[in-house]
Amino acid sequence: MEELAIMGTPKTPAVRSDSNQGLLEITGRSNPENTVEVFKPIVNWVEEYIQNPGEKTTINIQLEHFNTSSSKSLIGILKRLEALKKEGRDIVINW
């Protein structure tokens, strides 16, 4: 599984993942022109991760600002991860 290492910009968040540790971090600001394009690699990583997740998954979201469309993308990511919780896996979300 390919890990994410996306540098943030003044309008887009920095993203880091580690599937071996069950970790996804999204930090900075999220006010992009095209939210779907910015969040697509994150959504793809999550969809691949939930096929073979660790026993514990930690999501760290530390955004100082995000727009409405970013909030919709974040909710979509969290809803995908909800399937792991229903399977009895341990999920920690630090917001």
PDB file of N, CA and C in Angstrom:
ATOM      1  N   MET A   1       0.850  -1.180   0.000  1.00  0.00           N
ATOM      2  CA  MET A   1       0.000   0.000   0.000  1.00  0.00           C
ATOM      3  C   MET A   1       0.890   1.236   0.000  1.00  0.00           C
ATOM      4  N   GLU A   2       0.580   2.157  -0.895  1.00  0.00           N
ATOM      5  CA  GLU A   2       1.368   3.375  -0.983  1.00  0.00           C
ATOM      6  C   GLU A   2       0.920   4.359   0.095  1.00  0.00           C
ATOM      7  N   GLU A   3       1.883   4.924   0.786  1.00  0.00           N
ATOM      8  CA  GLU A   3       1.585   5.879   1.858  1.00  0.00           C
ATOM      9  C   GLU A   3       1.450   7.286   1.300  1.00  0.00           C
ATOM     10  N   LEU A   4       0.759   8.130   2.045  1.00  0.00           N
ATOM     11  CA  LEU A   4       0.579   9.525   1.665  1.00  0.00           C
ATOM     12  C   LEU A   4       1.596  10.396   2.381  1.00  0.00           C
ATOM     13  N   ALA A   5       2.182  11.305   1.639  1.00  0.00           N
ATOM     14  CA  ALA A   5       3.067  12.330   2.190  1.00  0.00           C
ATOM     15  C   ALA A   5       2.856  13.565   1.324  1.00  0.00           C
ATOM     16  N   ILE A   6       1.826  14.336   1.666  1.00  0.00           N
ATOM     17  CA  ILE A   6       1.437  15.494   0.870  1.00  0.00           C
ATOM     18  C   ILE A   6       1.785  16.752   1.643  1.00  0.00           C
ATOM     19  N   MET A   7       2.571  17.602   1.011  1.00  0.00           N
ATOM     20  CA  MET A   7       2.941  18.869   1.632  1.00  0.00           C
ATOM     21  C   MET A   7       1.744  19.813   1.602  1.00  0.00           C
ATOM     22  N   GLY A   8       1.539  20.518   2.679  1.00  0.00           N
ATOM     23  CA  GLY A   8       0.463  21.486   2.739  1.00  0.00           C
ATOM     24  C   GLY A   8       0.842  22.786   2.050  1.00  0.00           C
ATOM     25  N   THR A   9      -0.165  23.549   1.695  1.00  0.00           N
ATOM     26  CA  THR A   9       0.022  24.886   1.139  1.00  0.00           C
ATOM     27  C   THR A   9      -0.837  25.834   1.975  1.00  0.00           C
ATOM     28  N   PRO A  10      -0.808  27.121   1.684  1.00  0.00           N
ATOM     29  CA  PRO A  10      -1.686  28.017   2.442  1.00  0.00           C
ATOM     30  C   PRO A  10      -3.181  27.686   2.306  1.00  0.00           C
ATOM     31  N   LYS A  11      -3.560  26.942   1.236  1.00  0.00           N
ATOM     32  CA  LYS A  11      -4.975  26.610   1.037  1.00  0.00           C
ATOM     33  C   LYS A  11      -5.282  25.121   1.149  1.00  0.00           C
ATOM     34  N   THR A  12      -4.265  24.278   1.212  1.00  0.00           N
ATOM     35  CA  THR A  12      -4.511  22.832   1.250  1.00  0.00           C
ATOM     36  C   THR A  12      -3.783  22.185   2.431  1.00  0.00           C
ATOM     37  N   PRO A  13      -4.353  21.130   2.980  1.00  0.00           N
ATOM     38  CA  PRO A  13      -3.757  20.512   4.165  1.00  0.00           C
ATOM     39  C   PRO A  13      -2.552  19.633   3.838  1.00  0.00           C
ATOM     40  N   ALA A  14      -1.708  19.469   4.838  1.00  0.00           N
ATOM     41  CA  ALA A  14      -0.638  18.470   4.773  1.00  0.00           C
ATOM     42  C   ALA A  14      -1.261  17.146   5.201  1.00  0.00           C
ATOM     43  N   VAL A  15      -0.835  16.073   4.564  1.00  0.00           N
ATOM     44  CA  VAL A  15      -1.401  14.759   4.858  1.00  0.00           C
ATOM     45  C   VAL A  15      -0.261  13.763   4.987  1.00  0.00           C
ATOM     46  N   ARG A  16      -0.372  12.922   5.997  1.00  0.00           N
ATOM     47  CA  ARG A  16       0.614  11.858   6.209  1.00  0.00           C
ATOM     48  C   ARG A  16      -0.133  10.609   6.628  1.00  0.00           C
ATOM     49  N   SER A  17       0.291   9.486   6.072  1.00  0.00           N
ATOM     50  CA  SER A  17      -0.331   8.221   6.468  1.00  0.00           C
ATOM     51  C   SER A  17       0.735   7.175   6.747  1.00  0.00           C
ATOM     52  N   ASP A  18       0.369   6.203   7.553  1.00  0.00           N
ATOM     53  CA  ASP A  18       1.217   5.047   7.841  1.00  0.00           C
ATOM     54  C   ASP A  18       0.279   3.868   8.077  1.00  0.00           C
ATOM     55  N   SER A  19       0.106   3.057   7.049  1.00  0.00           N
ATOM     56  CA  SER A  19      -0.839   1.943   7.156  1.00  0.00           C
ATOM     57  C   SER A  19      -0.372   0.892   8.151  1.00  0.00           C
ATOM     58  N   ASN A  20       0.938   0.746   8.332  1.00  0.00           N
ATOM     59  CA  ASN A  20       1.448  -0.225   9.304  1.00  0.00           C
ATOM     60  C   ASN A  20       1.062   0.150  10.731  1.00  0.00           C
ATOM     61  N   GLN A  21       1.011   1.446  11.002  1.00  0.00           N
ATOM     62  CA  GLN A  21       0.621   1.927  12.331  1.00  0.00           C
ATOM     63  C   GLN A  21      -0.859   2.286  12.393  1.00  0.00           C
ATOM     64  N   GLY A  22      -1.567   2.209  11.266  1.00  0.00           N
ATOM     65  CA  GLY A  22      -2.983   2.578  11.238  1.00  0.00           C
ATOM     66  C   GLY A  22      -3.188   4.051  11.493  1.00  0.00           C
ATOM     67  N   LEU A  23      -2.362   4.900  10.860  1.00  0.00           N
ATOM     68  CA  LEU A  23      -2.348   6.328  11.156  1.00  0.00           C
ATOM     69  C   LEU A  23      -2.656   7.160   9.921  1.00  0.00           C
ATOM     70  N   LEU A  24      -3.534   8.149  10.098  1.00  0.00           N
ATOM     71  CA  LEU A  24      -3.795   9.152   9.073  1.00  0.00           C
ATOM     72  C   LEU A  24      -3.822  10.507   9.757  1.00  0.00           C
ATOM     73  N   GLU A  25      -3.001  11.441   9.259  1.00  0.00           N
ATOM     74  CA  GLU A  25      -2.947  12.789   9.824  1.00  0.00           C
ATOM     75  C   GLU A  25      -3.249  13.813   8.740  1.00  0.00           C
ATOM     76  N   ILE A  26      -4.127  14.750   9.081  1.00  0.00           N
ATOM     77  CA  ILE A  26      -4.486  15.849   8.187  1.00  0.00           C
ATOM     78  C   ILE A  26      -4.318  17.130   8.995  1.00  0.00           C
ATOM     79  N   THR A  27      -3.412  18.011   8.551  1.00  0.00           N
ATOM     80  CA  THR A  27      -3.091  19.205   9.344  1.00  0.00           C
ATOM     81  C   THR A  27      -3.021  20.453   8.472  1.00  0.00           C
ATOM     82  N   GLY A  28      -3.177  21.605   9.107  1.00  0.00           N
ATOM     83  CA  GLY A  28      -3.008  22.885   8.421  1.00  0.00           C
ATOM     84  C   GLY A  28      -4.324  23.570   8.134  1.00  0.00           C
ATOM     85  N   ARG A  29      -4.479  23.975   6.872  1.00  0.00           N
ATOM     86  CA  ARG A  29      -5.682  24.679   6.419  1.00  0.00           C
ATOM     87  C   ARG A  29      -6.262  23.932   5.230  1.00  0.00           C
ATOM     88  N   SER A  30      -7.585  23.990   5.083  1.00  0.00           N
ATOM     89  CA  SER A  30      -8.228  23.358   3.934  1.00  0.00           C
ATOM     90  C   SER A  30      -9.287  24.296   3.371  1.00  0.00           C
ATOM     91  N   ASN A  31      -8.860  25.087   2.422  1.00  0.00           N
ATOM     92  CA  ASN A  31      -9.735  26.038   1.754  1.00  0.00           C
ATOM     93  C   ASN A  31      -9.422  26.021   0.253  1.00  0.00           C
ATOM     94  N   PRO A  32      -9.404  24.827  -0.362  1.00  0.00           N
ATOM     95  CA  PRO A  32      -8.978  24.735  -1.763  1.00  0.00           C
ATOM     96  C   PRO A  32     -10.077  25.144  -2.746  1.00  0.00           C
ATOM     97  N   GLU A  33      -9.644  25.443  -3.959  1.00  0.00           N
ATOM     98  CA  GLU A  33     -10.584  25.744  -5.038  1.00  0.00           C
ATOM     99  C   GLU A  33     -11.366  24.491  -5.427  1.00  0.00           C
ATOM    100  N   ASN A  34     -10.676  23.343  -5.498  1.00  0.00           N
ATOM    101  CA  ASN A  34     -11.292  22.090  -5.913  1.00  0.00           C
ATOM    102  C   ASN A  34     -11.100  21.042  -4.813  1.00  0.00           C
ATOM    103  N   THR A  35     -12.022  20.999  -3.895  1.00  0.00           N
ATOM    104  CA  THR A  35     -11.918  20.107  -2.744  1.00  0.00           C
ATOM    105  C   THR A  35     -11.878  18.643  -3.146  1.00  0.00           C
ATOM    106  N   VAL A  36     -12.669  18.256  -4.126  1.00  0.00           N
ATOM    107  CA  VAL A  36     -12.712  16.853  -4.545  1.00  0.00           C
ATOM    108  C   VAL A  36     -11.332  16.400  -4.999  1.00  0.00           C
ATOM    109  N   GLU A  37     -10.640  17.230  -5.765  1.00  0.00           N
ATOM    110  CA  GLU A  37      -9.308  16.896  -6.251  1.00  0.00           C
ATOM    111  C   GLU A  37      -8.310  16.780  -5.100  1.00  0.00           C
ATOM    112  N   VAL A  38      -8.395  17.679  -4.138  1.00  0.00           N
ATOM    113  CA  VAL A  38      -7.468  17.665  -2.999  1.00  0.00           C
ATOM    114  C   VAL A  38      -7.689  16.432  -2.128  1.00  0.00           C
ATOM    115  N   PHE A  39      -8.943  16.061  -1.898  1.00  0.00           N
ATOM    116  CA  PHE A  39      -9.242  14.946  -1.001  1.00  0.00           C
ATOM    117  C   PHE A  39      -9.245  13.580  -1.683  1.00  0.00           C
ATOM    118  N   LYS A  40      -9.187  13.547  -3.005  1.00  0.00           N
ATOM    119  CA  LYS A  40      -9.237  12.273  -3.724  1.00  0.00           C
ATOM    120  C   LYS A  40      -8.142  11.298  -3.289  1.00  0.00           C
ATOM    121  N   PRO A  41      -6.861  11.718  -3.162  1.00  0.00           N
ATOM    122  CA  PRO A  41      -5.850  10.754  -2.710  1.00  0.00           C
ATOM    123  C   PRO A  41      -6.100  10.248  -1.287  1.00  0.00           C
ATOM    124  N   ILE A  42      -6.687  11.076  -0.450  1.00  0.00           N
ATOM    125  CA  ILE A  42      -6.982  10.672   0.923  1.00  0.00           C
ATOM    126  C   ILE A  42      -8.102   9.635   0.918  1.00  0.00           C
ATOM    127  N   VAL A  43      -9.148   9.912   0.170  1.00  0.00           N
ATOM    128  CA  VAL A  43     -10.267   8.975   0.062  1.00  0.00           C
ATOM    129  C   VAL A  43      -9.778   7.644  -0.509  1.00  0.00           C
ATOM    130  N   ASN A  44      -8.954   7.709  -1.550  1.00  0.00           N
ATOM    131  CA  ASN A  44      -8.420   6.477  -2.146  1.00  0.00           C
ATOM    132  C   ASN A  44      -7.601   5.677  -1.133  1.00  0.00           C
ATOM    133  N   TRP A  45      -6.774   6.374  -0.336  1.00  0.00           N
ATOM    134  CA  TRP A  45      -5.962   5.691   0.673  1.00  0.00           C
ATOM    135  C   TRP A  45      -6.876   5.017   1.703  1.00  0.00           C
ATOM    136  N   VAL A  46      -7.894   5.735   2.175  1.00  0.00           N
ATOM    137  CA  VAL A  46      -8.810   5.180   3.168  1.00  0.00           C
ATOM    138  C   VAL A  46      -9.526   3.955   2.607  1.00  0.00           C
ATOM    139  N   GLU A  47      -9.994   4.042   1.379  1.00  0.00           N
ATOM    140  CA  GLU A  47     -10.696   2.903   0.780  1.00  0.00           C
ATOM    141  C   GLU A  47      -9.785   1.681   0.668  1.00  0.00           C
ATOM    142  N   GLU A  48      -8.521   1.907   0.330  1.00  0.00           N
ATOM    143  CA  GLU A  48      -7.582   0.781   0.264  1.00  0.00           C
ATOM    144  C   GLU A  48      -7.247   0.276   1.668  1.00  0.00           C
ATOM    145  N   TYR A  49      -7.076   1.193   2.608  1.00  0.00           N
ATOM    146  CA  TYR A  49      -6.730   0.819   3.984  1.00  0.00           C
ATOM    147  C   TYR A  49      -7.812  -0.051   4.628  1.00  0.00           C
ATOM    148  N   ILE A  50      -9.077   0.281   4.430  1.00  0.00           N
ATOM    149  CA  ILE A  50     -10.142  -0.474   5.102  1.00  0.00           C
ATOM    150  C   ILE A  50     -10.267  -1.904   4.557  1.00  0.00           C
ATOM    151  N   GLN A  51      -9.628  -2.189   3.446  1.00  0.00           N
ATOM    152  CA  GLN A  51      -9.618  -3.554   2.932  1.00  0.00           C
ATOM    153  C   GLN A  51      -8.719  -4.456   3.773  1.00  0.00           C
ATOM    154  N   ASN A  52      -7.691  -3.860   4.400  1.00  0.00           N
ATOM    155  CA  ASN A  52      -6.753  -4.619   5.238  1.00  0.00           C
ATOM    156  C   ASN A  52      -6.275  -3.727   6.390  1.00  0.00           C
ATOM    157  N   PRO A  53      -7.175  -3.378   7.308  1.00  0.00           N
ATOM    158  CA  PRO A  53      -6.825  -2.436   8.375  1.00  0.00           C
ATOM    159  C   PRO A  53      -6.065  -3.093   9.520  1.00  0.00           C
ATOM    160  N   GLY A  54      -5.432  -2.235  10.318  1.00  0.00           N
ATOM    161  CA  GLY A  54      -4.819  -2.707  11.540  1.00  0.00           C
ATOM    162  C   GLY A  54      -5.880  -2.873  12.623  1.00  0.00           C
ATOM    163  N   GLU A  55      -5.474  -3.436  13.738  1.00  0.00           N
ATOM    164  CA  GLU A  55      -6.412  -3.600  14.854  1.00  0.00           C
ATOM    165  C   GLU A  55      -6.839  -2.256  15.427  1.00  0.00           C
ATOM    166  N   LYS A  56      -5.927  -1.272  15.356  1.00  0.00           N
ATOM    167  CA  LYS A  56      -6.234   0.072  15.854  1.00  0.00           C
ATOM    168  C   LYS A  56      -5.942   1.075  14.746  1.00  0.00           C
ATOM    169  N   THR A  57      -6.865   2.005  14.573  1.00  0.00           N
ATOM    170  CA  THR A  57      -6.698   3.067  13.582  1.00  0.00           C
ATOM    171  C   THR A  57      -6.797   4.402  14.303  1.00  0.00           C
ATOM    172  N   THR A  58      -5.840   5.281  14.029  1.00  0.00           N
ATOM    173  CA  THR A  58      -5.830   6.607  14.638  1.00  0.00           C
ATOM    174  C   THR A  58      -5.894   7.651  13.539  1.00  0.00           C
ATOM    175  N   ILE A  59      -6.861   8.551  13.662  1.00  0.00           N
ATOM    176  CA  ILE A  59      -7.033   9.654  12.726  1.00  0.00           C
ATOM    177  C   ILE A  59      -6.783  10.944  13.498  1.00  0.00           C
ATOM    178  N   ASN A  60      -5.776  11.699  13.077  1.00  0.00           N
ATOM    179  CA  ASN A  60      -5.473  12.986  13.695  1.00  0.00           C
ATOM    180  C   ASN A  60      -5.832  14.091  12.710  1.00  0.00           C
ATOM    181  N   ILE A  61      -6.814  14.905  13.084  1.00  0.00           N
ATOM    182  CA  ILE A  61      -7.215  16.038  12.248  1.00  0.00           C
ATOM    183  C   ILE A  61      -6.938  17.302  13.046  1.00  0.00           C
ATOM    184  N   GLN A  62      -6.014  18.098  12.523  1.00  0.00           N
ATOM    185  CA  GLN A  62      -5.628  19.326  13.208  1.00  0.00           C
ATOM    186  C   GLN A  62      -5.659  20.463  12.177  1.00  0.00           C
ATOM    187  N   LEU A  63      -6.874  20.892  11.882  1.00  0.00           N
ATOM    188  CA  LEU A  63      -7.064  21.952  10.896  1.00  0.00           C
ATOM    189  C   LEU A  63      -7.419  23.245  11.602  1.00  0.00           C
ATOM    190  N   GLU A  64      -6.661  24.293  11.321  1.00  0.00           N
ATOM    191  CA  GLU A  64      -6.961  25.585  11.937  1.00  0.00           C
ATOM    192  C   GLU A  64      -8.122  26.274  11.233  1.00  0.00           C
ATOM    193  N   HIS A  65      -8.377  25.868   9.975  1.00  0.00           N
ATOM    194  CA  HIS A  65      -9.513  26.400   9.219  1.00  0.00           C
ATOM    195  C   HIS A  65      -9.865  25.417   8.113  1.00  0.00           C
ATOM    196  N   PHE A  66     -11.162  25.235   7.864  1.00  0.00           N
ATOM    197  CA  PHE A  66     -11.597  24.456   6.711  1.00  0.00           C
ATOM    198  C   PHE A  66     -12.942  24.980   6.240  1.00  0.00           C
ATOM    199  N   ASN A  67     -13.150  24.916   4.922  1.00  0.00           N
ATOM    200  CA  ASN A  67     -14.390  25.437   4.352  1.00  0.00           C
ATOM    201  C   ASN A  67     -15.477  24.364   4.351  1.00  0.00           C
ATOM    202  N   THR A  68     -16.653  24.743   3.919  1.00  0.00           N
ATOM    203  CA  THR A  68     -17.805  23.836   3.938  1.00  0.00           C
ATOM    204  C   THR A  68     -17.569  22.604   3.086  1.00  0.00           C
ATOM    205  N   SER A  69     -17.017  22.774   1.893  1.00  0.00           N
ATOM    206  CA  SER A  69     -16.798  21.612   1.031  1.00  0.00           C
ATOM    207  C   SER A  69     -15.744  20.677   1.612  1.00  0.00           C
ATOM    208  N   SER A  70     -14.768  21.219   2.334  1.00  0.00           N
ATOM    209  CA  SER A  70     -13.789  20.367   3.013  1.00  0.00           C
ATOM    210  C   SER A  70     -14.457  19.580   4.130  1.00  0.00           C
ATOM    211  N   SER A  71     -15.397  20.206   4.833  1.00  0.00           N
ATOM    212  CA  SER A  71     -16.095  19.495   5.910  1.00  0.00           C
ATOM    213  C   SER A  71     -16.880  18.316   5.344  1.00  0.00           C
ATOM    214  N   LYS A  72     -17.468  18.483   4.173  1.00  0.00           N
ATOM    215  CA  LYS A  72     -18.200  17.393   3.535  1.00  0.00           C
ATOM    216  C   LYS A  72     -17.257  16.245   3.171  1.00  0.00           C
ATOM    217  N   SER A  73     -16.070  16.589   2.684  1.00  0.00           N
ATOM    218  CA  SER A  73     -15.081  15.553   2.350  1.00  0.00           C
ATOM    219  C   SER A  73     -14.609  14.832   3.602  1.00  0.00           C
ATOM    220  N   LEU A  74     -14.387  15.566   4.673  1.00  0.00           N
ATOM    221  CA  LEU A  74     -13.954  14.951   5.936  1.00  0.00           C
ATOM    222  C   LEU A  74     -15.031  14.011   6.478  1.00  0.00           C
ATOM    223  N   ILE A  75     -16.276  14.433   6.406  1.00  0.00           N
ATOM    224  CA  ILE A  75     -17.374  13.569   6.860  1.00  0.00           C
ATOM    225  C   ILE A  75     -17.430  12.300   6.024  1.00  0.00           C
ATOM    226  N   GLY A  76     -17.217  12.429   4.731  1.00  0.00           N
ATOM    227  CA  GLY A  76     -17.196  11.256   3.862  1.00  0.00           C
ATOM    228  C   GLY A  76     -16.103  10.270   4.246  1.00  0.00           C
ATOM    229  N   ILE A  77     -14.939  10.786   4.608  1.00  0.00           N
ATOM    230  CA  ILE A  77     -13.827   9.930   5.053  1.00  0.00           C
ATOM    231  C   ILE A  77     -14.200   9.231   6.356  1.00  0.00           C
ATOM    232  N   LEU A  78     -14.751   9.974   7.291  1.00  0.00           N
ATOM    233  CA  LEU A  78     -15.120   9.386   8.585  1.00  0.00           C
ATOM    234  C   LEU A  78     -16.223   8.341   8.424  1.00  0.00           C
ATOM    235  N   LYS A  79     -17.154   8.574   7.521  1.00  0.00           N
ATOM    236  CA  LYS A  79     -18.212   7.584   7.279  1.00  0.00           C
ATOM    237  C   LYS A  79     -17.637   6.291   6.713  1.00  0.00           C
ATOM    238  N   ARG A  80     -16.635   6.393   5.859  1.00  0.00           N
ATOM    239  CA  ARG A  80     -15.992   5.186   5.331  1.00  0.00           C
ATOM    240  C   ARG A  80     -15.323   4.402   6.461  1.00  0.00           C
ATOM    241  N   LEU A  81     -14.713   5.127   7.386  1.00  0.00           N
ATOM    242  CA  LEU A  81     -14.035   4.472   8.507  1.00  0.00           C
ATOM    243  C   LEU A  81     -15.015   3.880   9.514  1.00  0.00           C
ATOM    244  N   GLU A  82     -16.251   4.332   9.485  1.00  0.00           N
ATOM    245  CA  GLU A  82     -17.275   3.807  10.387  1.00  0.00           C
ATOM    246  C   GLU A  82     -17.459   2.296  10.200  1.00  0.00           C
ATOM    247  N   ALA A  83     -17.236   1.814   8.999  1.00  0.00           N
ATOM    248  CA  ALA A  83     -17.355   0.376   8.726  1.00  0.00           C
ATOM    249  C   ALA A  83     -16.395  -0.430   9.602  1.00  0.00           C
ATOM    250  N   LEU A  84     -15.213   0.125   9.870  1.00  0.00           N
ATOM    251  CA  LEU A  84     -14.247  -0.573  10.730  1.00  0.00           C
ATOM    252  C   LEU A  84     -14.768  -0.671  12.157  1.00  0.00           C
ATOM    253  N   LYS A  85     -15.385   0.387  12.624  1.00  0.00           N
ATOM    254  CA  LYS A  85     -15.946   0.392  13.980  1.00  0.00           C
ATOM    255  C   LYS A  85     -17.038  -0.668  14.104  1.00  0.00           C
ATOM    256  N   LYS A  86     -17.853  -0.790  13.056  1.00  0.00           N
ATOM    257  CA  LYS A  86     -18.927  -1.786  13.070  1.00  0.00           C
ATOM    258  C   LYS A  86     -18.367  -3.210  13.081  1.00  0.00           C
ATOM    259  N   GLU A  87     -17.143  -3.375  12.581  1.00  0.00           N
ATOM    260  CA  GLU A  87     -16.477  -4.682  12.613  1.00  0.00           C
ATOM    261  C   GLU A  87     -15.831  -4.955  13.969  1.00  0.00           C
ATOM    262  N   GLY A  88     -15.891  -3.989  14.877  1.00  0.00           N
ATOM    263  CA  GLY A  88     -15.320  -4.165  16.209  1.00  0.00           C
ATOM    264  C   GLY A  88     -13.879  -3.704  16.329  1.00  0.00           C
ATOM    265  N   ARG A  89     -13.381  -3.021  15.336  1.00  0.00           N
ATOM    266  CA  ARG A  89     -12.000  -2.530  15.396  1.00  0.00           C
ATOM    267  C   ARG A  89     -11.941  -1.232  16.199  1.00  0.00           C
ATOM    268  N   ASP A  90     -10.788  -0.985  16.770  1.00  0.00           N
ATOM    269  CA  ASP A  90     -10.565   0.195  17.603  1.00  0.00           C
ATOM    270  C   ASP A  90     -10.202   1.378  16.709  1.00  0.00           C
ATOM    271  N   ILE A  91     -10.996   2.443  16.795  1.00  0.00           N
ATOM    272  CA  ILE A  91     -10.731   3.654  16.021  1.00  0.00           C
ATOM    273  C   ILE A  91     -10.675   4.840  16.980  1.00  0.00           C
ATOM    274  N   VAL A  92      -9.621   5.636  16.873  1.00  0.00           N
ATOM    275  CA  VAL A  92      -9.452   6.834  17.683  1.00  0.00           C
ATOM    276  C   VAL A  92      -9.397   8.026  16.723  1.00  0.00           C
ATOM    277  N   ILE A  93     -10.249   9.013  16.974  1.00  0.00           N
ATOM    278  CA  ILE A  93     -10.235  10.228  16.166  1.00  0.00           C
ATOM    279  C   ILE A  93      -9.872  11.374  17.089  1.00  0.00           C
ATOM    280  N   ASN A  94      -8.749  11.997  16.790  1.00  0.00           N
ATOM    281  CA  ASN A  94      -8.281  13.179  17.539  1.00  0.00           C
ATOM    282  C   ASN A  94      -8.546  14.385  16.668  1.00  0.00           C
ATOM    283  N   TRP A  95      -9.428  15.268  17.181  1.00  0.00           N
ATOM    284  CA  TRP A  95      -9.827  16.423  16.399  1.00  0.00           C
ATOM    285  C   TRP A  95      -9.318  17.664  17.086  1.00  0.00           C
TER     286      TRP A  95
END
